[in-house]
Amino acid sequence: MATKENDQIIRENNCETKMGLPYVLEASTSIFVTGSISNKCCGELVLGKVCHSALVNRTLENPLFKDISAATIIAKSIQTWNNCLALIDSPSSFA
């Protein structure tokens, strides 16, 4: 997906305001570095799959990330999303 399309999706869905900056940074660190994410951040993340995908795709289009495998990052992104869904769906997640 082209940058212009991602930017439009992000703008139309208010993606940059749905999730607080600390959670955006934690989710990005999870996807691009650590693989771990807190329950509280997961609660914020699962507010929007469209936003999650558009933000990851826009990040991948940044020249700073040109040496990173897009397939690996997308796989990590999906894994983070699925882990968060499972965590949020679990009745004991926030006990």
PDB file of N, CA and C in Angstrom:
ATOM      1  N   MET A   1       0.850  -1.181   0.000  1.00  0.00           N
ATOM      2  CA  MET A   1       0.000   0.000   0.000  1.00  0.00           C
ATOM      3  C   MET A   1       0.893   1.241   0.000  1.00  0.00           C
ATOM      4  N   ALA A   2       0.570   2.219  -0.803  1.00  0.00           N
ATOM      5  CA  ALA A   2       1.366   3.427  -0.932  1.00  0.00           C
ATOM      6  C   ALA A   2       1.193   4.333   0.281  1.00  0.00           C
ATOM      7  N   THR A   3       2.204   5.160   0.500  1.00  0.00           N
ATOM      8  CA  THR A   3       2.207   6.084   1.627  1.00  0.00           C
ATOM      9  C   THR A   3       0.955   6.945   1.647  1.00  0.00           C
ATOM     10  N   LYS A   4       0.564   7.446   0.491  1.00  0.00           N
ATOM     11  CA  LYS A   4      -0.603   8.324   0.406  1.00  0.00           C
ATOM     12  C   LYS A   4      -1.859   7.605   0.903  1.00  0.00           C
ATOM     13  N   GLU A   5      -2.008   6.329   0.521  1.00  0.00           N
ATOM     14  CA  GLU A   5      -3.170   5.560   0.974  1.00  0.00           C
ATOM     15  C   GLU A   5      -3.124   5.328   2.479  1.00  0.00           C
ATOM     16  N   ASN A   6      -1.942   4.989   3.004  1.00  0.00           N
ATOM     17  CA  ASN A   6      -1.810   4.791   4.446  1.00  0.00           C
ATOM     18  C   ASN A   6      -2.104   6.084   5.199  1.00  0.00           C
ATOM     19  N   ASP A   7      -1.560   7.194   4.711  1.00  0.00           N
ATOM     20  CA  ASP A   7      -1.811   8.488   5.350  1.00  0.00           C
ATOM     21  C   ASP A   7      -3.298   8.821   5.358  1.00  0.00           C
ATOM     22  N   GLN A   8      -3.979   8.527   4.257  1.00  0.00           N
ATOM     23  CA  GLN A   8      -5.411   8.799   4.172  1.00  0.00           C
ATOM     24  C   GLN A   8      -6.193   7.938   5.167  1.00  0.00           C
ATOM     25  N   ILE A   9      -5.853   6.657   5.257  1.00  0.00           N
ATOM     26  CA  ILE A   9      -6.514   5.760   6.215  1.00  0.00           C
ATOM     27  C   ILE A   9      -6.279   6.255   7.632  1.00  0.00           C
ATOM     28  N   ILE A  10      -5.048   6.637   7.930  1.00  0.00           N
ATOM     29  CA  ILE A  10      -4.699   7.120   9.274  1.00  0.00           C
ATOM     30  C   ILE A  10      -5.481   8.387   9.596  1.00  0.00           C
ATOM     31  N   ARG A  11      -5.549   9.286   8.643  1.00  0.00           N
ATOM     32  CA  ARG A  11      -6.268  10.557   8.847  1.00  0.00           C
ATOM     33  C   ARG A  11      -7.775  10.323   9.002  1.00  0.00           C
ATOM     34  N   GLU A  12      -8.370   9.546   8.092  1.00  0.00           N
ATOM     35  CA  GLU A  12      -9.819   9.323   8.102  1.00  0.00           C
ATOM     36  C   GLU A  12     -10.294   8.576   9.353  1.00  0.00           C
ATOM     37  N   ASN A  13      -9.422   7.750   9.920  1.00  0.00           N
ATOM     38  CA  ASN A  13      -9.798   6.960  11.090  1.00  0.00           C
ATOM     39  C   ASN A  13      -9.258   7.538  12.393  1.00  0.00           C
ATOM     40  N   ASN A  14      -8.684   8.740  12.322  1.00  0.00           N
ATOM     41  CA  ASN A  14      -8.121   9.396  13.506  1.00  0.00           C
ATOM     42  C   ASN A  14      -7.164   8.479  14.259  1.00  0.00           C
ATOM     43  N   CYS A  15      -6.384   7.718  13.519  1.00  0.00           N
ATOM     44  CA  CYS A  15      -5.508   6.710  14.118  1.00  0.00           C
ATOM     45  C   CYS A  15      -4.486   7.300  15.086  1.00  0.00           C
ATOM     46  N   GLU A  16      -3.974   8.466  14.760  1.00  0.00           N
ATOM     47  CA  GLU A  16      -2.927   9.034  15.601  1.00  0.00           C
ATOM     48  C   GLU A  16      -3.460   9.597  16.909  1.00  0.00           C
ATOM     49  N   THR A  17      -4.768   9.693  17.041  1.00  0.00           N
ATOM     50  CA  THR A  17      -5.325  10.181  18.303  1.00  0.00           C
ATOM     51  C   THR A  17      -6.021   9.076  19.101  1.00  0.00           C
ATOM     52  N   LYS A  18      -6.254   7.920  18.490  1.00  0.00           N
ATOM     53  CA  LYS A  18      -6.936   6.821  19.184  1.00  0.00           C
ATOM     54  C   LYS A  18      -6.072   6.171  20.247  1.00  0.00           C
ATOM     55  N   MET A  19      -4.781   6.165  20.017  1.00  0.00           N
ATOM     56  CA  MET A  19      -3.853   5.473  20.896  1.00  0.00           C
ATOM     57  C   MET A  19      -2.822   6.467  21.396  1.00  0.00           C
ATOM     58  N   GLY A  20      -2.637   6.519  22.709  1.00  0.00           N
ATOM     59  CA  GLY A  20      -1.670   7.455  23.274  1.00  0.00           C
ATOM     60  C   GLY A  20      -0.249   7.145  22.831  1.00  0.00           C
ATOM     61  N   LEU A  21       0.591   8.173  22.770  1.00  0.00           N
ATOM     62  CA  LEU A  21       1.968   8.021  22.302  1.00  0.00           C
ATOM     63  C   LEU A  21       2.747   6.943  23.059  1.00  0.00           C
ATOM     64  N   PRO A  22       2.627   6.856  24.391  1.00  0.00           N
ATOM     65  CA  PRO A  22       3.375   5.785  25.075  1.00  0.00           C
ATOM     66  C   PRO A  22       2.994   4.394  24.569  1.00  0.00           C
ATOM     67  N   TYR A  23       1.726   4.199  24.212  1.00  0.00           N
ATOM     68  CA  TYR A  23       1.282   2.901  23.718  1.00  0.00           C
ATOM     69  C   TYR A  23       1.737   2.664  22.282  1.00  0.00           C
ATOM     70  N   VAL A  24       1.756   3.723  21.492  1.00  0.00           N
ATOM     71  CA  VAL A  24       2.262   3.615  20.119  1.00  0.00           C
ATOM     72  C   VAL A  24       3.734   3.194  20.166  1.00  0.00           C
ATOM     73  N   LEU A  25       4.497   3.837  21.049  1.00  0.00           N
ATOM     74  CA  LEU A  25       5.917   3.507  21.168  1.00  0.00           C
ATOM     75  C   LEU A  25       6.116   2.082  21.668  1.00  0.00           C
ATOM     76  N   GLU A  26       5.311   1.662  22.643  1.00  0.00           N
ATOM     77  CA  GLU A  26       5.428   0.303  23.158  1.00  0.00           C
ATOM     78  C   GLU A  26       5.056  -0.729  22.099  1.00  0.00           C
ATOM     79  N   ALA A  27       3.985  -0.477  21.374  1.00  0.00           N
ATOM     80  CA  ALA A  27       3.571  -1.404  20.322  1.00  0.00           C
ATOM     81  C   ALA A  27       4.637  -1.476  19.228  1.00  0.00           C
ATOM     82  N   SER A  28       5.185  -0.342  18.848  1.00  0.00           N
ATOM     83  CA  SER A  28       6.237  -0.321  17.824  1.00  0.00           C
ATOM     84  C   SER A  28       7.473  -1.069  18.301  1.00  0.00           C
ATOM     85  N   THR A  29       7.856  -0.855  19.555  1.00  0.00           N
ATOM     86  CA  THR A  29       9.005  -1.567  20.115  1.00  0.00           C
ATOM     87  C   THR A  29       8.740  -3.064  20.131  1.00  0.00           C
ATOM     88  N   SER A  30       7.510  -3.442  20.455  1.00  0.00           N
ATOM     89  CA  SER A  30       7.144  -4.852  20.461  1.00  0.00           C
ATOM     90  C   SER A  30       7.301  -5.462  19.073  1.00  0.00           C
ATOM     91  N   ILE A  31       6.821  -4.765  18.080  1.00  0.00           N
ATOM     92  CA  ILE A  31       6.841  -5.282  16.709  1.00  0.00           C
ATOM     93  C   ILE A  31       8.250  -5.265  16.126  1.00  0.00           C
ATOM     94  N   PHE A  32       8.987  -4.166  16.340  1.00  0.00           N
ATOM     95  CA  PHE A  32      10.277  -4.003  15.689  1.00  0.00           C
ATOM     96  C   PHE A  32      11.464  -4.504  16.511  1.00  0.00           C
ATOM     97  N   VAL A  33      11.261  -4.729  17.841  1.00  0.00           N
ATOM     98  CA  VAL A  33      12.410  -5.086  18.668  1.00  0.00           C
ATOM     99  C   VAL A  33      12.145  -6.260  19.610  1.00  0.00           C
ATOM    100  N   THR A  34      11.315  -6.049  20.626  1.00  0.00           N
ATOM    101  CA  THR A  34      11.252  -6.976  21.760  1.00  0.00           C
ATOM    102  C   THR A  34      10.293  -8.146  21.626  1.00  0.00           C
ATOM    103  N   GLY A  35       9.150  -7.915  20.999  1.00  0.00           N
ATOM    104  CA  GLY A  35       8.141  -8.958  20.899  1.00  0.00           C
ATOM    105  C   GLY A  35       7.224  -9.034  22.101  1.00  0.00           C
ATOM    106  N   SER A  36       7.443  -8.178  23.103  1.00  0.00           N
ATOM    107  CA  SER A  36       6.564  -8.207  24.280  1.00  0.00           C
ATOM    108  C   SER A  36       5.796  -6.891  24.398  1.00  0.00           C
ATOM    109  N   ILE A  37       4.585  -7.008  24.949  1.00  0.00           N
ATOM    110  CA  ILE A  37       3.702  -5.850  25.062  1.00  0.00           C
ATOM    111  C   ILE A  37       2.837  -6.015  26.314  1.00  0.00           C
ATOM    112  N   SER A  38       2.559  -4.926  26.999  1.00  0.00           N
ATOM    113  CA  SER A  38       1.796  -4.988  28.248  1.00  0.00           C
ATOM    114  C   SER A  38       0.299  -5.166  27.989  1.00  0.00           C
ATOM    115  N   ASN A  39      -0.392  -5.655  29.009  1.00  0.00           N
ATOM    116  CA  ASN A  39      -1.850  -5.811  28.919  1.00  0.00           C
ATOM    117  C   ASN A  39      -2.525  -4.476  28.616  1.00  0.00           C
ATOM    118  N   LYS A  40      -2.073  -3.428  29.280  1.00  0.00           N
ATOM    119  CA  LYS A  40      -2.700  -2.114  29.105  1.00  0.00           C
ATOM    120  C   LYS A  40      -2.518  -1.620  27.668  1.00  0.00           C
ATOM    121  N   CYS A  41      -1.339  -1.831  27.122  1.00  0.00           N
ATOM    122  CA  CYS A  41      -1.084  -1.419  25.741  1.00  0.00           C
ATOM    123  C   CYS A  41      -1.915  -2.259  24.775  1.00  0.00           C
ATOM    124  N   CYS A  42      -2.059  -3.536  25.067  1.00  0.00           N
ATOM    125  CA  CYS A  42      -2.901  -4.398  24.225  1.00  0.00           C
ATOM    126  C   CYS A  42      -4.329  -3.869  24.185  1.00  0.00           C
ATOM    127  N   GLY A  43      -4.815  -3.400  25.322  1.00  0.00           N
ATOM    128  CA  GLY A  43      -6.164  -2.845  25.382  1.00  0.00           C
ATOM    129  C   GLY A  43      -6.325  -1.664  24.450  1.00  0.00           C
ATOM    130  N   GLU A  44      -5.288  -0.864  24.330  1.00  0.00           N
ATOM    131  CA  GLU A  44      -5.302   0.280  23.418  1.00  0.00           C
ATOM    132  C   GLU A  44      -5.157  -0.178  21.960  1.00  0.00           C
ATOM    133  N   LEU A  45      -4.276  -1.130  21.744  1.00  0.00           N
ATOM    134  CA  LEU A  45      -3.971  -1.594  20.393  1.00  0.00           C
ATOM    135  C   LEU A  45      -5.179  -2.188  19.690  1.00  0.00           C
ATOM    136  N   VAL A  46      -5.934  -2.986  20.393  1.00  0.00           N
ATOM    137  CA  VAL A  46      -7.037  -3.690  19.739  1.00  0.00           C
ATOM    138  C   VAL A  46      -8.242  -2.792  19.459  1.00  0.00           C
ATOM    139  N   LEU A  47      -8.092  -1.509  19.686  1.00  0.00           N
ATOM    140  CA  LEU A  47      -9.170  -0.573  19.350  1.00  0.00           C
ATOM    141  C   LEU A  47      -9.337  -0.424  17.847  1.00  0.00           C
ATOM    142  N   GLY A  48      -8.331  -0.846  17.075  1.00  0.00           N
ATOM    143  CA  GLY A  48      -8.475  -0.664  15.631  1.00  0.00           C
ATOM    144  C   GLY A  48      -7.465  -1.394  14.777  1.00  0.00           C
ATOM    145  N   LYS A  49      -7.890  -2.458  14.131  1.00  0.00           N
ATOM    146  CA  LYS A  49      -7.026  -3.233  13.228  1.00  0.00           C
ATOM    147  C   LYS A  49      -6.629  -2.403  12.007  1.00  0.00           C
ATOM    148  N   VAL A  50      -7.559  -1.609  11.490  1.00  0.00           N
ATOM    149  CA  VAL A  50      -7.263  -0.781  10.312  1.00  0.00           C
ATOM    150  C   VAL A  50      -6.126   0.183  10.632  1.00  0.00           C
ATOM    151  N   CYS A  51      -6.216   0.826  11.790  1.00  0.00           N
ATOM    152  CA  CYS A  51      -5.169   1.772  12.204  1.00  0.00           C
ATOM    153  C   CYS A  51      -3.845   1.042  12.430  1.00  0.00           C
ATOM    154  N   HIS A  52      -3.907  -0.078  13.105  1.00  0.00           N
ATOM    155  CA  HIS A  52      -2.700  -0.856  13.389  1.00  0.00           C
ATOM    156  C   HIS A  52      -1.971  -1.184  12.087  1.00  0.00           C
ATOM    157  N   SER A  53      -2.682  -1.710  11.119  1.00  0.00           N
ATOM    158  CA  SER A  53      -2.081  -2.092   9.843  1.00  0.00           C
ATOM    159  C   SER A  53      -1.532  -0.889   9.086  1.00  0.00           C
ATOM    160  N   ALA A  54      -2.292   0.186   9.042  1.00  0.00           N
ATOM    161  CA  ALA A  54      -1.857   1.378   8.314  1.00  0.00           C
ATOM    162  C   ALA A  54      -0.610   1.995   8.946  1.00  0.00           C
ATOM    163  N   LEU A  55      -0.560   2.032  10.276  1.00  0.00           N
ATOM    164  CA  LEU A  55       0.605   2.600  10.958  1.00  0.00           C
ATOM    165  C   LEU A  55       1.849   1.736  10.741  1.00  0.00           C
ATOM    166  N   VAL A  56       1.696   0.423  10.790  1.00  0.00           N
ATOM    167  CA  VAL A  56       2.834  -0.472  10.529  1.00  0.00           C
ATOM    168  C   VAL A  56       3.301  -0.296   9.093  1.00  0.00           C
ATOM    169  N   ASN A  57       2.384  -0.270   8.147  1.00  0.00           N
ATOM    170  CA  ASN A  57       2.757  -0.106   6.733  1.00  0.00           C
ATOM    171  C   ASN A  57       3.436   1.228   6.477  1.00  0.00           C
ATOM    172  N   ARG A  58       2.926   2.290   7.110  1.00  0.00           N
ATOM    173  CA  ARG A  58       3.549   3.603   6.924  1.00  0.00           C
ATOM    174  C   ARG A  58       4.966   3.605   7.496  1.00  0.00           C
ATOM    175  N   THR A  59       5.143   2.951   8.633  1.00  0.00           N
ATOM    176  CA  THR A  59       6.477   2.866   9.229  1.00  0.00           C
ATOM    177  C   THR A  59       7.434   2.129   8.300  1.00  0.00           C
ATOM    178  N   LEU A  60       6.961   1.050   7.703  1.00  0.00           N
ATOM    179  CA  LEU A  60       7.812   0.283   6.786  1.00  0.00           C
ATOM    180  C   LEU A  60       8.222   1.086   5.558  1.00  0.00           C
ATOM    181  N   GLU A  61       7.436   2.072   5.186  1.00  0.00           N
ATOM    182  CA  GLU A  61       7.754   2.909   4.035  1.00  0.00           C
ATOM    183  C   GLU A  61       8.812   3.964   4.346  1.00  0.00           C
ATOM    184  N   ASN A  62       9.111   4.154   5.627  1.00  0.00           N
ATOM    185  CA  ASN A  62      10.103   5.124   6.051  1.00  0.00           C
ATOM    186  C   ASN A  62      11.497   4.617   5.647  1.00  0.00           C
ATOM    187  N   PRO A  63      12.301   5.461   5.010  1.00  0.00           N
ATOM    188  CA  PRO A  63      13.645   5.036   4.587  1.00  0.00           C
ATOM    189  C   PRO A  63      14.519   4.508   5.729  1.00  0.00           C
ATOM    190  N   LEU A  64      14.244   4.924   6.953  1.00  0.00           N
ATOM    191  CA  LEU A  64      15.017   4.431   8.097  1.00  0.00           C
ATOM    192  C   LEU A  64      14.886   2.916   8.266  1.00  0.00           C
ATOM    193  N   PHE A  65      13.800   2.350   7.758  1.00  0.00           N
ATOM    194  CA  PHE A  65      13.531   0.931   7.931  1.00  0.00           C
ATOM    195  C   PHE A  65      13.758   0.130   6.640  1.00  0.00           C
ATOM    196  N   LYS A  66      14.491   0.707   5.682  1.00  0.00           N
ATOM    197  CA  LYS A  66      14.666   0.054   4.377  1.00  0.00           C
ATOM    198  C   LYS A  66      15.416  -1.272   4.459  1.00  0.00           C
ATOM    199  N   ASP A  67      16.244  -1.454   5.491  1.00  0.00           N
ATOM    200  CA  ASP A  67      17.021  -2.682   5.613  1.00  0.00           C
ATOM    201  C   ASP A  67      16.308  -3.770   6.412  1.00  0.00           C
ATOM    202  N   ILE A  68      15.102  -3.481   6.867  1.00  0.00           N
ATOM    203  CA  ILE A  68      14.338  -4.450   7.651  1.00  0.00           C
ATOM    204  C   ILE A  68      13.419  -5.232   6.710  1.00  0.00           C
ATOM    205  N   SER A  69      13.336  -6.515   6.932  1.00  0.00           N
ATOM    206  CA  SER A  69      12.463  -7.357   6.126  1.00  0.00           C
ATOM    207  C   SER A  69      11.004  -7.022   6.400  1.00  0.00           C
ATOM    208  N   ALA A  70      10.311  -6.544   5.376  1.00  0.00           N
ATOM    209  CA  ALA A  70       8.892  -6.187   5.530  1.00  0.00           C
ATOM    210  C   ALA A  70       8.073  -7.412   5.922  1.00  0.00           C
ATOM    211  N   ALA A  71       8.382  -8.546   5.339  1.00  0.00           N
ATOM    212  CA  ALA A  71       7.633  -9.772   5.644  1.00  0.00           C
ATOM    213  C   ALA A  71       7.776 -10.145   7.115  1.00  0.00           C
ATOM    214  N   THR A  72       8.975 -10.002   7.659  1.00  0.00           N
ATOM    215  CA  THR A  72       9.213 -10.315   9.067  1.00  0.00           C
ATOM    216  C   THR A  72       8.438  -9.360   9.967  1.00  0.00           C
ATOM    217  N   ILE A  73       8.476  -8.068   9.647  1.00  0.00           N
ATOM    218  CA  ILE A  73       7.776  -7.072  10.465  1.00  0.00           C
ATOM    219  C   ILE A  73       6.271  -7.280  10.387  1.00  0.00           C
ATOM    220  N   ILE A  74       5.759  -7.552   9.211  1.00  0.00           N
ATOM    221  CA  ILE A  74       4.313  -7.796   9.082  1.00  0.00           C
ATOM    222  C   ILE A  74       3.921  -9.035   9.875  1.00  0.00           C
ATOM    223  N   ALA A  75       4.743 -10.067   9.831  1.00  0.00           N
ATOM    224  CA  ALA A  75       4.462 -11.278  10.613  1.00  0.00           C
ATOM    225  C   ALA A  75       4.473 -10.968  12.111  1.00  0.00           C
ATOM    226  N   LYS A  76       5.450 -10.163  12.567  1.00  0.00           N
ATOM    227  CA  LYS A  76       5.509  -9.776  13.980  1.00  0.00           C
ATOM    228  C   LYS A  76       4.306  -8.911  14.358  1.00  0.00           C
ATOM    229  N   SER A  77       3.905  -8.057  13.429  1.00  0.00           N
ATOM    230  CA  SER A  77       2.748  -7.195  13.654  1.00  0.00           C
ATOM    231  C   SER A  77       1.485  -8.032  13.854  1.00  0.00           C
ATOM    232  N   ILE A  78       1.308  -9.025  12.988  1.00  0.00           N
ATOM    233  CA  ILE A  78       0.144  -9.915  13.092  1.00  0.00           C
ATOM    234  C   ILE A  78       0.210 -10.716  14.384  1.00  0.00           C
ATOM    235  N   GLN A  79       1.410 -11.179  14.737  1.00  0.00           N
ATOM    236  CA  GLN A  79       1.583 -11.946  15.971  1.00  0.00           C
ATOM    237  C   GLN A  79       1.252 -11.083  17.193  1.00  0.00           C
ATOM    238  N   THR A  80       1.723  -9.842  17.196  1.00  0.00           N
ATOM    239  CA  THR A  80       1.427  -8.928  18.303  1.00  0.00           C
ATOM    240  C   THR A  80      -0.076  -8.691  18.398  1.00  0.00           C
ATOM    241  N   TRP A  81      -0.719  -8.447  17.258  1.00  0.00           N
ATOM    242  CA  TRP A  81      -2.168  -8.237  17.212  1.00  0.00           C
ATOM    243  C   TRP A  81      -2.908  -9.454  17.781  1.00  0.00           C
ATOM    244  N   ASN A  82      -2.545 -10.643  17.298  1.00  0.00           N
ATOM    245  CA  ASN A  82      -3.218 -11.866  17.754  1.00  0.00           C
ATOM    246  C   ASN A  82      -2.976 -12.135  19.239  1.00  0.00           C
ATOM    247  N   ASN A  83      -1.759 -11.890  19.702  1.00  0.00           N
ATOM    248  CA  ASN A  83      -1.460 -12.055  21.129  1.00  0.00           C
ATOM    249  C   ASN A  83      -2.304 -11.100  21.971  1.00  0.00           C
ATOM    250  N   CYS A  84      -2.443  -9.881  21.502  1.00  0.00           N
ATOM    251  CA  CYS A  84      -3.253  -8.899  22.229  1.00  0.00           C
ATOM    252  C   CYS A  84      -4.727  -9.303  22.233  1.00  0.00           C
ATOM    253  N   LEU A  85      -5.230  -9.769  21.102  1.00  0.00           N
ATOM    254  CA  LEU A  85      -6.628 -10.218  21.060  1.00  0.00           C
ATOM    255  C   LEU A  85      -6.863 -11.343  22.057  1.00  0.00           C
ATOM    256  N   ALA A  86      -5.942 -12.302  22.092  1.00  0.00           N
ATOM    257  CA  ALA A  86      -6.080 -13.425  23.018  1.00  0.00           C
ATOM    258  C   ALA A  86      -6.033 -12.937  24.468  1.00  0.00           C
ATOM    259  N   LEU A  87      -5.167 -11.980  24.732  1.00  0.00           N
ATOM    260  CA  LEU A  87      -5.031 -11.429  26.086  1.00  0.00           C
ATOM    261  C   LEU A  87      -6.300 -10.694  26.498  1.00  0.00           C
ATOM    262  N   ILE A  88      -6.823  -9.882  25.599  1.00  0.00           N
ATOM    263  CA  ILE A  88      -8.018  -9.090  25.887  1.00  0.00           C
ATOM    264  C   ILE A  88      -9.236  -9.987  26.049  1.00  0.00           C
ATOM    265  N   ASP A  89      -9.309 -11.061  25.269  1.00  0.00           N
ATOM    266  CA  ASP A  89     -10.431 -11.971  25.337  1.00  0.00           C
ATOM    267  C   ASP A  89     -10.406 -12.870  26.568  1.00  0.00           C
ATOM    268  N   SER A  90      -9.232 -12.966  27.203  1.00  0.00           N
ATOM    269  CA  SER A  90      -9.099 -13.814  28.382  1.00  0.00           C
ATOM    270  C   SER A  90      -9.745 -13.133  29.589  1.00  0.00           C
ATOM    271  N   PRO A  91     -10.639 -13.838  30.303  1.00  0.00           N
ATOM    272  CA  PRO A  91     -11.328 -13.226  31.447  1.00  0.00           C
ATOM    273  C   PRO A  91     -10.390 -12.819  32.571  1.00  0.00           C
ATOM    274  N   SER A  92      -9.205 -13.416  32.646  1.00  0.00           N
ATOM    275  CA  SER A  92      -8.310 -13.090  33.744  1.00  0.00           C
ATOM    276  C   SER A  92      -7.259 -12.048  33.372  1.00  0.00           C
ATOM    277  N   SER A  93      -7.354 -11.471  32.182  1.00  0.00           N
ATOM    278  CA  SER A  93      -6.356 -10.537  31.695  1.00  0.00           C
ATOM    279  C   SER A  93      -6.136  -9.354  32.622  1.00  0.00           C
ATOM    280  N   PHE A  94      -7.197  -8.818  33.156  1.00  0.00           N
ATOM    281  CA  PHE A  94      -7.077  -7.601  33.955  1.00  0.00           C
ATOM    282  C   PHE A  94      -7.456  -7.831  35.409  1.00  0.00           C
ATOM    283  N   ALA A  95      -7.458  -9.073  35.828  1.00  0.00           N
ATOM    284  CA  ALA A  95      -7.812  -9.407  37.203  1.00  0.00           C
ATOM    285  C   ALA A  95      -6.724  -9.016  38.151  1.00  0.00           C
TER     286      ALA A  95
END
